[in-house]
Amino acid sequence: MQVISGNIRGLKLESIKNPEIRPTKERIKKSLFDILRPKLKNKTFLDLFGGTGQIGIEAFSQGAKKVIIVESSKAHFFVIKRNVSKVKLSKNIEIICSDALDFLNSLKEKIDIIFLDPPYKQISLLNASLEKISQLPFKPEIIVIESLSSENIILNIPNFYLRKKHSYGKIALNLYEKQFLE
């Protein structure tokens, strides 16, 4: 597993042997950042279910001004910490060991792009996270959800629309954008 593009391209990242962790596949990650790259510059990016931290680190490599990676597992948190320690200017990457819902409850700053990749079978955790996001005082511009292709994600956040669902076999990226009203 490595950073695929940007200013730290090729940086090797550590993973963890755990059946609950399934890092985003390289081709899906490449597609995700092909979509997000023009929108990342100088933005704040939140990776809500950090795992190994690869998505947040990739966002930083491709131009995000600040990245926040949230992970509830202490073992995974330390893997993310080791991965981030390999990055120059890592002060712009904040790692938080917290439950996703608790983090969202305490969030006060504006996040521009939120990436959610909760464990696939925990649709209730995804729905609870989306409910918390809908209550944030500052709404993000983009929400990306990695899910099983068979799941029908319902986003009940006013002024957001499903721009596109990109399917990659059993996995899908659901890209929601905020509709700016004139």
N, C-alpha and C. Protein backbone atom coordinates (compact mmCIF):
# COMPACT_ATOMS: atom_id res chain seq x y z
N MET A 1 0.86 -1.17 0.00
CA MET A 1 0.00 0.00 0.00
C MET A 1 0.91 1.23 0.00
N GLN A 2 0.58 2.18 -0.89
CA GLN A 2 1.40 3.39 -0.99
C GLN A 2 0.56 4.56 -1.47
N VAL A 3 1.13 5.75 -1.33
CA VAL A 3 0.50 6.97 -1.85
C VAL A 3 0.65 6.92 -3.37
N ILE A 4 -0.46 7.12 -4.09
CA ILE A 4 -0.44 6.91 -5.54
C ILE A 4 -0.15 8.15 -6.37
N SER A 5 -0.31 9.33 -5.79
CA SER A 5 -0.10 10.53 -6.58
C SER A 5 0.18 11.72 -5.66
N GLY A 6 0.53 12.83 -6.26
CA GLY A 6 0.74 14.04 -5.48
C GLY A 6 2.18 14.22 -5.03
N ASN A 7 2.38 15.13 -4.06
CA ASN A 7 3.73 15.51 -3.67
C ASN A 7 4.47 14.48 -2.82
N ILE A 8 3.79 13.46 -2.32
CA ILE A 8 4.49 12.38 -1.61
C ILE A 8 4.22 11.02 -2.29
N ARG A 9 4.01 11.08 -3.57
CA ARG A 9 3.76 9.87 -4.37
C ARG A 9 4.84 8.82 -4.10
N GLY A 10 4.38 7.57 -3.96
CA GLY A 10 5.31 6.46 -3.76
C GLY A 10 5.61 6.15 -2.31
N LEU A 11 5.19 7.02 -1.39
CA LEU A 11 5.44 6.78 0.04
C LEU A 11 4.76 5.49 0.46
N LYS A 12 5.52 4.56 1.01
CA LYS A 12 4.97 3.27 1.45
C LYS A 12 4.29 3.44 2.80
N LEU A 13 3.10 2.87 2.89
CA LEU A 13 2.31 2.97 4.12
C LEU A 13 2.16 1.59 4.75
N GLU A 14 2.17 1.60 6.06
CA GLU A 14 2.01 0.37 6.83
C GLU A 14 0.53 0.02 6.91
N SER A 15 0.25 -1.27 6.94
CA SER A 15 -1.12 -1.73 7.15
C SER A 15 -1.15 -2.54 8.44
N ILE A 16 -2.27 -3.15 8.71
CA ILE A 16 -2.40 -3.96 9.91
C ILE A 16 -3.12 -5.24 9.52
N LYS A 17 -2.67 -6.34 10.07
CA LYS A 17 -3.32 -7.63 9.80
C LYS A 17 -4.56 -7.72 10.68
N ASN A 18 -5.70 -7.42 10.09
CA ASN A 18 -6.95 -7.44 10.81
C ASN A 18 -8.07 -7.60 9.78
N PRO A 19 -8.90 -8.64 9.92
CA PRO A 19 -9.96 -8.84 8.92
C PRO A 19 -10.99 -7.71 8.89
N GLU A 20 -11.05 -6.91 9.95
CA GLU A 20 -11.99 -5.78 9.96
C GLU A 20 -11.49 -4.61 9.14
N ILE A 21 -10.18 -4.55 8.91
CA ILE A 21 -9.60 -3.46 8.12
C ILE A 21 -9.48 -3.95 6.68
N ARG A 22 -10.07 -3.19 5.77
CA ARG A 22 -9.97 -3.50 4.36
C ARG A 22 -9.63 -2.20 3.66
N PRO A 23 -8.32 -1.94 3.53
CA PRO A 23 -7.92 -0.69 2.88
C PRO A 23 -8.57 -0.56 1.51
N THR A 24 -8.91 0.66 1.15
CA THR A 24 -9.50 0.93 -0.16
C THR A 24 -8.53 0.45 -1.23
N LYS A 25 -9.05 -0.32 -2.17
CA LYS A 25 -8.22 -0.86 -3.25
C LYS A 25 -7.62 0.27 -4.08
N GLU A 26 -6.42 0.02 -4.62
CA GLU A 26 -5.67 1.03 -5.37
C GLU A 26 -6.49 1.64 -6.50
N ARG A 27 -7.20 0.81 -7.29
CA ARG A 27 -7.93 1.37 -8.44
C ARG A 27 -9.11 2.22 -7.98
N ILE A 28 -9.72 1.87 -6.84
CA ILE A 28 -10.82 2.68 -6.31
C ILE A 28 -10.26 3.98 -5.77
N LYS A 29 -9.12 3.89 -5.07
CA LYS A 29 -8.48 5.10 -4.54
C LYS A 29 -8.08 6.03 -5.69
N LYS A 30 -7.54 5.46 -6.76
CA LYS A 30 -7.16 6.29 -7.92
C LYS A 30 -8.38 6.98 -8.50
N SER A 31 -9.47 6.25 -8.66
CA SER A 31 -10.71 6.84 -9.19
C SER A 31 -11.24 7.92 -8.26
N LEU A 32 -11.22 7.65 -6.96
CA LEU A 32 -11.69 8.63 -5.98
C LEU A 32 -10.93 9.94 -6.13
N PHE A 33 -9.62 9.85 -6.23
CA PHE A 33 -8.83 11.08 -6.30
C PHE A 33 -8.81 11.70 -7.69
N ASP A 34 -9.09 10.93 -8.72
CA ASP A 34 -9.30 11.53 -10.04
C ASP A 34 -10.54 12.43 -9.97
N ILE A 35 -11.53 12.02 -9.21
CA ILE A 35 -12.76 12.81 -9.04
C ILE A 35 -12.51 14.02 -8.14
N LEU A 36 -11.82 13.80 -7.02
CA LEU A 36 -11.67 14.85 -6.01
C LEU A 36 -10.53 15.84 -6.26
N ARG A 37 -9.51 15.42 -7.00
CA ARG A 37 -8.30 16.24 -7.16
C ARG A 37 -8.59 17.72 -7.46
N PRO A 38 -9.46 18.04 -8.43
CA PRO A 38 -9.68 19.46 -8.73
C PRO A 38 -10.39 20.21 -7.59
N LYS A 39 -10.96 19.48 -6.65
CA LYS A 39 -11.73 20.11 -5.58
C LYS A 39 -10.97 20.14 -4.26
N LEU A 40 -9.78 19.54 -4.18
CA LEU A 40 -9.04 19.39 -2.93
C LEU A 40 -8.19 20.59 -2.53
N LYS A 41 -7.73 21.34 -3.51
CA LYS A 41 -6.75 22.41 -3.25
C LYS A 41 -7.22 23.34 -2.13
N ASN A 42 -6.40 23.44 -1.11
CA ASN A 42 -6.64 24.33 0.05
C ASN A 42 -7.92 24.02 0.82
N LYS A 43 -8.37 22.79 0.78
CA LYS A 43 -9.58 22.40 1.49
C LYS A 43 -9.23 21.60 2.74
N THR A 44 -10.19 21.51 3.65
CA THR A 44 -10.06 20.66 4.83
C THR A 44 -10.80 19.36 4.54
N PHE A 45 -10.11 18.25 4.73
CA PHE A 45 -10.58 16.92 4.37
C PHE A 45 -10.70 16.08 5.65
N LEU A 46 -11.83 15.44 5.83
CA LEU A 46 -12.06 14.56 6.98
C LEU A 46 -12.20 13.12 6.50
N ASP A 47 -11.34 12.24 7.02
CA ASP A 47 -11.45 10.79 6.82
C ASP A 47 -12.01 10.25 8.13
N LEU A 48 -13.32 9.97 8.16
CA LEU A 48 -14.01 9.70 9.41
C LEU A 48 -13.74 8.31 9.99
N PHE A 49 -13.48 7.33 9.18
CA PHE A 49 -13.18 5.98 9.66
C PHE A 49 -11.80 5.62 9.13
N GLY A 50 -10.76 6.12 9.79
CA GLY A 50 -9.41 6.16 9.26
C GLY A 50 -8.75 4.86 8.85
N GLY A 51 -8.97 3.77 9.57
CA GLY A 51 -8.33 2.50 9.22
C GLY A 51 -6.83 2.58 9.28
N THR A 52 -6.17 2.72 8.13
CA THR A 52 -4.71 2.86 8.07
C THR A 52 -4.30 4.31 7.82
N GLY A 53 -5.26 5.17 7.53
CA GLY A 53 -4.98 6.57 7.24
C GLY A 53 -4.65 6.85 5.80
N GLN A 54 -4.69 5.82 4.93
CA GLN A 54 -4.25 6.00 3.55
C GLN A 54 -5.07 7.03 2.78
N ILE A 55 -6.37 7.11 3.00
CA ILE A 55 -7.19 8.06 2.24
C ILE A 55 -6.87 9.50 2.68
N GLY A 56 -6.76 9.73 3.97
CA GLY A 56 -6.41 11.06 4.45
C GLY A 56 -5.03 11.49 4.00
N ILE A 57 -4.07 10.58 4.06
CA ILE A 57 -2.70 10.89 3.62
C ILE A 57 -2.68 11.18 2.12
N GLU A 58 -3.45 10.41 1.37
CA GLU A 58 -3.55 10.66 -0.08
C GLU A 58 -4.15 12.04 -0.35
N ALA A 59 -5.18 12.41 0.41
CA ALA A 59 -5.81 13.73 0.24
C ALA A 59 -4.79 14.83 0.50
N PHE A 60 -3.97 14.65 1.52
CA PHE A 60 -2.93 15.63 1.82
C PHE A 60 -1.91 15.70 0.69
N SER A 61 -1.50 14.55 0.18
CA SER A 61 -0.52 14.49 -0.91
C SER A 61 -1.04 15.21 -2.15
N GLN A 62 -2.37 15.18 -2.34
CA GLN A 62 -2.94 15.74 -3.56
C GLN A 62 -3.49 17.16 -3.38
N GLY A 63 -3.12 17.83 -2.27
CA GLY A 63 -3.40 19.25 -2.18
C GLY A 63 -4.30 19.72 -1.07
N ALA A 64 -4.86 18.84 -0.25
CA ALA A 64 -5.69 19.31 0.86
C ALA A 64 -4.81 20.11 1.82
N LYS A 65 -5.32 21.24 2.29
CA LYS A 65 -4.55 22.10 3.18
C LYS A 65 -4.47 21.50 4.57
N LYS A 66 -5.55 20.85 5.00
CA LYS A 66 -5.59 20.22 6.32
C LYS A 66 -6.37 18.92 6.20
N VAL A 67 -5.89 17.91 6.91
CA VAL A 67 -6.55 16.61 6.93
C VAL A 67 -6.77 16.20 8.37
N ILE A 68 -7.97 15.71 8.64
CA ILE A 68 -8.30 15.15 9.96
C ILE A 68 -8.65 13.68 9.73
N ILE A 69 -7.96 12.80 10.45
CA ILE A 69 -8.23 11.37 10.35
C ILE A 69 -8.73 10.91 11.72
N VAL A 70 -9.94 10.32 11.73
CA VAL A 70 -10.56 9.86 12.96
C VAL A 70 -10.60 8.33 12.93
N GLU A 71 -10.13 7.71 14.01
CA GLU A 71 -10.15 6.25 14.13
C GLU A 71 -10.42 5.89 15.59
N SER A 72 -11.34 4.96 15.80
CA SER A 72 -11.71 4.59 17.17
C SER A 72 -10.80 3.53 17.77
N SER A 73 -10.21 2.67 16.96
CA SER A 73 -9.35 1.59 17.46
C SER A 73 -7.97 2.14 17.80
N LYS A 74 -7.50 1.88 19.02
CA LYS A 74 -6.17 2.36 19.41
C LYS A 74 -5.08 1.71 18.58
N ALA A 75 -5.21 0.41 18.27
CA ALA A 75 -4.20 -0.27 17.45
C ALA A 75 -4.12 0.38 16.06
N HIS A 76 -5.26 0.67 15.47
CA HIS A 76 -5.28 1.30 14.14
C HIS A 76 -4.79 2.74 14.23
N PHE A 77 -5.14 3.43 15.32
CA PHE A 77 -4.69 4.80 15.55
C PHE A 77 -3.15 4.86 15.51
N PHE A 78 -2.49 3.89 16.15
CA PHE A 78 -1.03 3.90 16.18
C PHE A 78 -0.43 3.58 14.81
N VAL A 79 -1.10 2.76 14.01
CA VAL A 79 -0.66 2.52 12.63
C VAL A 79 -0.75 3.83 11.84
N ILE A 80 -1.86 4.54 11.99
CA ILE A 80 -2.03 5.83 11.30
C ILE A 80 -0.93 6.80 11.74
N LYS A 81 -0.66 6.82 13.03
CA LYS A 81 0.36 7.72 13.57
C LYS A 81 1.73 7.43 12.94
N ARG A 82 2.07 6.14 12.82
CA ARG A 82 3.35 5.77 12.19
C ARG A 82 3.35 6.17 10.71
N ASN A 83 2.23 5.98 10.03
CA ASN A 83 2.16 6.36 8.62
C ASN A 83 2.30 7.87 8.46
N VAL A 84 1.62 8.63 9.28
CA VAL A 84 1.68 10.09 9.18
C VAL A 84 3.07 10.60 9.54
N SER A 85 3.78 9.91 10.43
CA SER A 85 5.12 10.36 10.83
C SER A 85 6.10 10.33 9.65
N LYS A 86 5.78 9.60 8.59
CA LYS A 86 6.63 9.53 7.39
C LYS A 86 6.42 10.72 6.47
N VAL A 87 5.41 11.55 6.75
CA VAL A 87 5.02 12.65 5.86
C VAL A 87 5.66 13.95 6.33
N LYS A 88 6.33 14.64 5.40
CA LYS A 88 6.83 15.98 5.72
C LYS A 88 5.62 16.90 5.84
N LEU A 89 5.72 17.90 6.67
CA LEU A 89 4.62 18.83 6.95
C LEU A 89 3.43 18.10 7.57
N SER A 90 3.71 17.04 8.32
CA SER A 90 2.63 16.25 8.91
C SER A 90 1.85 17.04 9.97
N LYS A 91 2.32 18.23 10.32
CA LYS A 91 1.56 19.05 11.26
C LYS A 91 0.20 19.45 10.68
N ASN A 92 0.05 19.33 9.36
CA ASN A 92 -1.23 19.63 8.71
C ASN A 92 -2.16 18.42 8.67
N ILE A 93 -1.72 17.31 9.28
CA ILE A 93 -2.56 16.12 9.38
C ILE A 93 -2.81 15.86 10.86
N GLU A 94 -4.05 15.94 11.25
CA GLU A 94 -4.44 15.73 12.64
C GLU A 94 -5.06 14.33 12.76
N ILE A 95 -4.58 13.56 13.73
CA ILE A 95 -5.09 12.21 13.96
C ILE A 95 -5.81 12.22 15.30
N ILE A 96 -7.03 11.72 15.29
CA ILE A 96 -7.85 11.72 16.51
C ILE A 96 -8.33 10.31 16.78
N CYS A 97 -8.05 9.84 18.00
CA CYS A 97 -8.54 8.53 18.42
C CYS A 97 -9.88 8.77 19.13
N SER A 98 -10.95 8.50 18.41
CA SER A 98 -12.28 8.80 18.93
C SER A 98 -13.32 8.00 18.16
N ASP A 99 -14.42 7.75 18.80
CA ASP A 99 -15.59 7.22 18.12
C ASP A 99 -16.06 8.28 17.12
N ALA A 100 -16.46 7.85 15.93
CA ALA A 100 -16.87 8.78 14.88
C ALA A 100 -18.02 9.68 15.33
N LEU A 101 -19.01 9.12 16.00
CA LEU A 101 -20.17 9.91 16.42
C LEU A 101 -19.79 10.93 17.49
N ASP A 102 -18.93 10.53 18.43
CA ASP A 102 -18.46 11.47 19.46
C ASP A 102 -17.68 12.61 18.81
N PHE A 103 -16.84 12.27 17.83
CA PHE A 103 -16.08 13.31 17.13
C PHE A 103 -17.02 14.30 16.45
N LEU A 104 -18.01 13.78 15.72
CA LEU A 104 -18.95 14.66 15.02
C LEU A 104 -19.74 15.52 16.00
N ASN A 105 -20.05 14.98 17.18
CA ASN A 105 -20.76 15.77 18.21
C ASN A 105 -19.93 16.96 18.68
N SER A 106 -18.61 16.80 18.68
CA SER A 106 -17.75 17.86 19.21
C SER A 106 -17.15 18.76 18.12
N LEU A 107 -17.41 18.46 16.87
CA LEU A 107 -16.81 19.20 15.76
C LEU A 107 -17.34 20.63 15.70
N LYS A 108 -16.40 21.59 15.69
CA LYS A 108 -16.78 23.00 15.64
C LYS A 108 -16.28 23.70 14.37
N GLU A 109 -15.26 23.11 13.73
CA GLU A 109 -14.69 23.77 12.55
C GLU A 109 -15.35 23.30 11.27
N LYS A 110 -15.20 24.10 10.23
CA LYS A 110 -15.78 23.76 8.93
C LYS A 110 -14.92 22.72 8.24
N ILE A 111 -15.55 21.69 7.75
CA ILE A 111 -14.91 20.66 6.96
C ILE A 111 -15.45 20.80 5.54
N ASP A 112 -14.56 20.78 4.56
CA ASP A 112 -15.00 20.95 3.16
C ASP A 112 -15.41 19.63 2.51
N ILE A 113 -14.64 18.57 2.77
CA ILE A 113 -14.89 17.27 2.15
C ILE A 113 -14.86 16.21 3.24
N ILE A 114 -15.89 15.37 3.27
CA ILE A 114 -15.94 14.28 4.24
C ILE A 114 -15.96 12.96 3.48
N PHE A 115 -15.05 12.06 3.88
CA PHE A 115 -15.00 10.72 3.32
C PHE A 115 -15.40 9.74 4.41
N LEU A 116 -16.42 8.92 4.14
CA LEU A 116 -16.90 7.93 5.10
C LEU A 116 -16.73 6.53 4.51
N ASP A 117 -16.07 5.69 5.25
CA ASP A 117 -15.88 4.30 4.84
C ASP A 117 -16.00 3.42 6.09
N PRO A 118 -17.21 3.39 6.68
CA PRO A 118 -17.38 2.57 7.88
C PRO A 118 -17.39 1.10 7.51
N PRO A 119 -17.25 0.22 8.50
CA PRO A 119 -17.37 -1.21 8.19
C PRO A 119 -18.65 -1.45 7.39
N TYR A 120 -18.54 -2.20 6.29
CA TYR A 120 -19.66 -2.34 5.35
C TYR A 120 -20.94 -2.86 5.98
N LYS A 121 -20.86 -3.74 6.91
CA LYS A 121 -22.08 -4.34 7.48
C LYS A 121 -22.73 -3.44 8.53
N GLN A 122 -22.11 -2.32 8.85
CA GLN A 122 -22.64 -1.44 9.90
C GLN A 122 -23.37 -0.24 9.31
N ILE A 123 -24.45 -0.53 8.60
CA ILE A 123 -25.23 0.52 7.96
C ILE A 123 -25.84 1.47 8.99
N SER A 124 -26.13 0.97 10.18
CA SER A 124 -26.69 1.84 11.22
C SER A 124 -25.65 2.87 11.67
N LEU A 125 -24.37 2.50 11.69
CA LEU A 125 -23.30 3.45 12.03
C LEU A 125 -23.18 4.51 10.93
N LEU A 126 -23.28 4.09 9.68
CA LEU A 126 -23.25 5.05 8.57
C LEU A 126 -24.42 6.01 8.68
N ASN A 127 -25.61 5.48 8.90
CA ASN A 127 -26.80 6.34 9.00
C ASN A 127 -26.70 7.31 10.18
N ALA A 128 -26.20 6.83 11.31
CA ALA A 128 -26.03 7.70 12.48
C ALA A 128 -25.00 8.80 12.19
N SER A 129 -23.93 8.45 11.47
CA SER A 129 -22.91 9.44 11.10
C SER A 129 -23.50 10.50 10.17
N LEU A 130 -24.28 10.06 9.20
CA LEU A 130 -24.90 11.01 8.28
C LEU A 130 -25.88 11.92 9.01
N GLU A 131 -26.59 11.38 9.98
CA GLU A 131 -27.51 12.20 10.80
C GLU A 131 -26.73 13.27 11.55
N LYS A 132 -25.59 12.90 12.13
CA LYS A 132 -24.75 13.88 12.85
C LYS A 132 -24.21 14.94 11.87
N ILE A 133 -23.80 14.51 10.68
CA ILE A 133 -23.30 15.46 9.68
C ILE A 133 -24.39 16.45 9.30
N SER A 134 -25.63 15.98 9.22
CA SER A 134 -26.74 16.87 8.87
C SER A 134 -26.97 17.93 9.93
N GLN A 135 -26.50 17.69 11.16
CA GLN A 135 -26.68 18.63 12.26
C GLN A 135 -25.49 19.56 12.47
N LEU A 136 -24.44 19.40 11.68
CA LEU A 136 -23.27 20.26 11.83
C LEU A 136 -23.64 21.70 11.50
N PRO A 137 -23.06 22.66 12.23
CA PRO A 137 -23.37 24.07 11.93
C PRO A 137 -22.85 24.51 10.57
N PHE A 138 -21.74 23.91 10.11
CA PHE A 138 -21.16 24.21 8.80
C PHE A 138 -21.22 22.95 7.96
N LYS A 139 -21.98 22.97 6.90
CA LYS A 139 -22.11 21.78 6.04
C LYS A 139 -20.91 21.67 5.11
N PRO A 140 -20.46 20.44 4.85
CA PRO A 140 -19.36 20.27 3.90
C PRO A 140 -19.84 20.56 2.48
N GLU A 141 -18.90 20.68 1.56
CA GLU A 141 -19.23 20.85 0.14
C GLU A 141 -19.47 19.50 -0.53
N ILE A 142 -18.71 18.49 -0.07
CA ILE A 142 -18.75 17.16 -0.69
C ILE A 142 -18.75 16.10 0.41
N ILE A 143 -19.56 15.07 0.20
CA ILE A 143 -19.56 13.89 1.06
C ILE A 143 -19.38 12.69 0.14
N VAL A 144 -18.36 11.87 0.43
CA VAL A 144 -18.12 10.65 -0.34
C VAL A 144 -18.28 9.48 0.60
N ILE A 145 -19.07 8.49 0.17
CA ILE A 145 -19.31 7.30 0.98
C ILE A 145 -18.86 6.09 0.18
N GLU A 146 -17.93 5.32 0.76
CA GLU A 146 -17.56 4.03 0.17
C GLU A 146 -18.46 2.98 0.80
N SER A 147 -19.11 2.19 -0.04
CA SER A 147 -20.07 1.20 0.45
C SER A 147 -20.09 -0.01 -0.47
N LEU A 148 -20.88 -0.97 -0.10
CA LEU A 148 -21.15 -2.08 -1.01
C LEU A 148 -22.03 -1.55 -2.14
N SER A 149 -21.81 -2.01 -3.35
CA SER A 149 -22.61 -1.56 -4.49
C SER A 149 -24.09 -1.85 -4.29
N SER A 150 -24.38 -2.93 -3.58
CA SER A 150 -25.77 -3.34 -3.38
C SER A 150 -26.52 -2.45 -2.39
N GLU A 151 -25.80 -1.66 -1.59
CA GLU A 151 -26.46 -0.79 -0.61
C GLU A 151 -27.02 0.45 -1.29
N ASN A 152 -28.21 0.80 -0.89
CA ASN A 152 -28.83 2.02 -1.38
C ASN A 152 -28.71 3.07 -0.29
N ILE A 153 -27.77 3.96 -0.44
CA ILE A 153 -27.51 4.99 0.56
C ILE A 153 -28.55 6.09 0.42
N ILE A 154 -29.13 6.48 1.55
CA ILE A 154 -30.10 7.57 1.55
C ILE A 154 -29.53 8.70 2.38
N LEU A 155 -29.28 9.81 1.73
CA LEU A 155 -28.71 10.97 2.39
C LEU A 155 -29.82 11.99 2.61
N ASN A 156 -30.16 12.21 3.86
CA ASN A 156 -31.23 13.16 4.19
C ASN A 156 -30.64 14.47 4.70
N ILE A 157 -29.83 15.08 3.89
CA ILE A 157 -29.25 16.37 4.25
C ILE A 157 -29.74 17.38 3.21
N PRO A 158 -30.45 18.40 3.66
CA PRO A 158 -30.98 19.38 2.71
C PRO A 158 -29.90 19.97 1.81
N ASN A 159 -30.27 20.20 0.57
CA ASN A 159 -29.42 20.83 -0.45
C ASN A 159 -28.24 19.97 -0.90
N PHE A 160 -28.27 18.65 -0.62
CA PHE A 160 -27.26 17.73 -1.14
C PHE A 160 -27.91 16.83 -2.17
N TYR A 161 -27.17 16.50 -3.20
CA TYR A 161 -27.70 15.61 -4.20
C TYR A 161 -26.63 14.58 -4.57
N LEU A 162 -27.08 13.42 -5.01
CA LEU A 162 -26.16 12.39 -5.46
C LEU A 162 -25.66 12.77 -6.84
N ARG A 163 -24.41 13.18 -6.91
CA ARG A 163 -23.85 13.56 -8.20
C ARG A 163 -23.60 12.32 -9.05
N LYS A 164 -23.05 11.27 -8.42
CA LYS A 164 -22.79 10.05 -9.17
C LYS A 164 -22.47 8.92 -8.21
N LYS A 165 -22.91 7.73 -8.58
CA LYS A 165 -22.51 6.52 -7.87
C LYS A 165 -21.59 5.77 -8.82
N HIS A 166 -20.34 5.63 -8.41
CA HIS A 166 -19.34 4.94 -9.21
C HIS A 166 -19.21 3.52 -8.66
N SER A 167 -19.49 2.51 -9.48
CA SER A 167 -19.42 1.12 -9.03
C SER A 167 -18.15 0.45 -9.54
N TYR A 168 -17.53 -0.31 -8.65
CA TYR A 168 -16.31 -1.05 -8.95
C TYR A 168 -16.53 -2.49 -8.46
N GLY A 169 -17.28 -3.27 -9.20
CA GLY A 169 -17.62 -4.61 -8.75
C GLY A 169 -18.53 -4.53 -7.53
N LYS A 170 -18.10 -5.10 -6.41
CA LYS A 170 -18.91 -5.13 -5.19
C LYS A 170 -18.87 -3.81 -4.42
N ILE A 171 -17.95 -2.92 -4.78
CA ILE A 171 -17.74 -1.67 -4.04
C ILE A 171 -18.24 -0.48 -4.86
N ALA A 172 -18.75 0.52 -4.14
CA ALA A 172 -19.22 1.75 -4.81
C ALA A 172 -18.73 2.98 -4.06
N LEU A 173 -18.49 4.03 -4.81
CA LEU A 173 -18.25 5.36 -4.25
C LEU A 173 -19.48 6.20 -4.55
N ASN A 174 -20.12 6.72 -3.53
CA ASN A 174 -21.30 7.56 -3.66
C ASN A 174 -20.87 9.00 -3.42
N LEU A 175 -20.93 9.81 -4.45
CA LEU A 175 -20.45 11.19 -4.38
C LEU A 175 -21.63 12.14 -4.28
N TYR A 176 -21.73 12.81 -3.14
CA TYR A 176 -22.78 13.79 -2.90
C TYR A 176 -22.16 15.18 -2.88
N GLU A 177 -22.83 16.12 -3.52
CA GLU A 177 -22.35 17.50 -3.51
C GLU A 177 -23.44 18.42 -3.00
N LYS A 178 -22.96 19.48 -2.38
CA LYS A 178 -23.89 20.51 -1.89
C LYS A 178 -24.34 21.33 -3.07
N GLN A 179 -25.64 21.56 -3.14
CA GLN A 179 -26.20 22.37 -4.21
C GLN A 179 -26.24 23.80 -3.71
N PHE A 180 -25.53 24.66 -4.40
CA PHE A 180 -25.50 26.07 -4.01
C PHE A 180 -26.68 26.76 -4.66
N LEU A 181 -27.54 27.31 -3.82
CA LEU A 181 -28.75 27.96 -4.32
C LEU A 181 -28.43 29.40 -4.67
N GLU A 182 -28.97 29.86 -5.76
CA GLU A 182 -28.72 31.24 -6.22
C GLU A 182 -29.76 32.18 -5.71
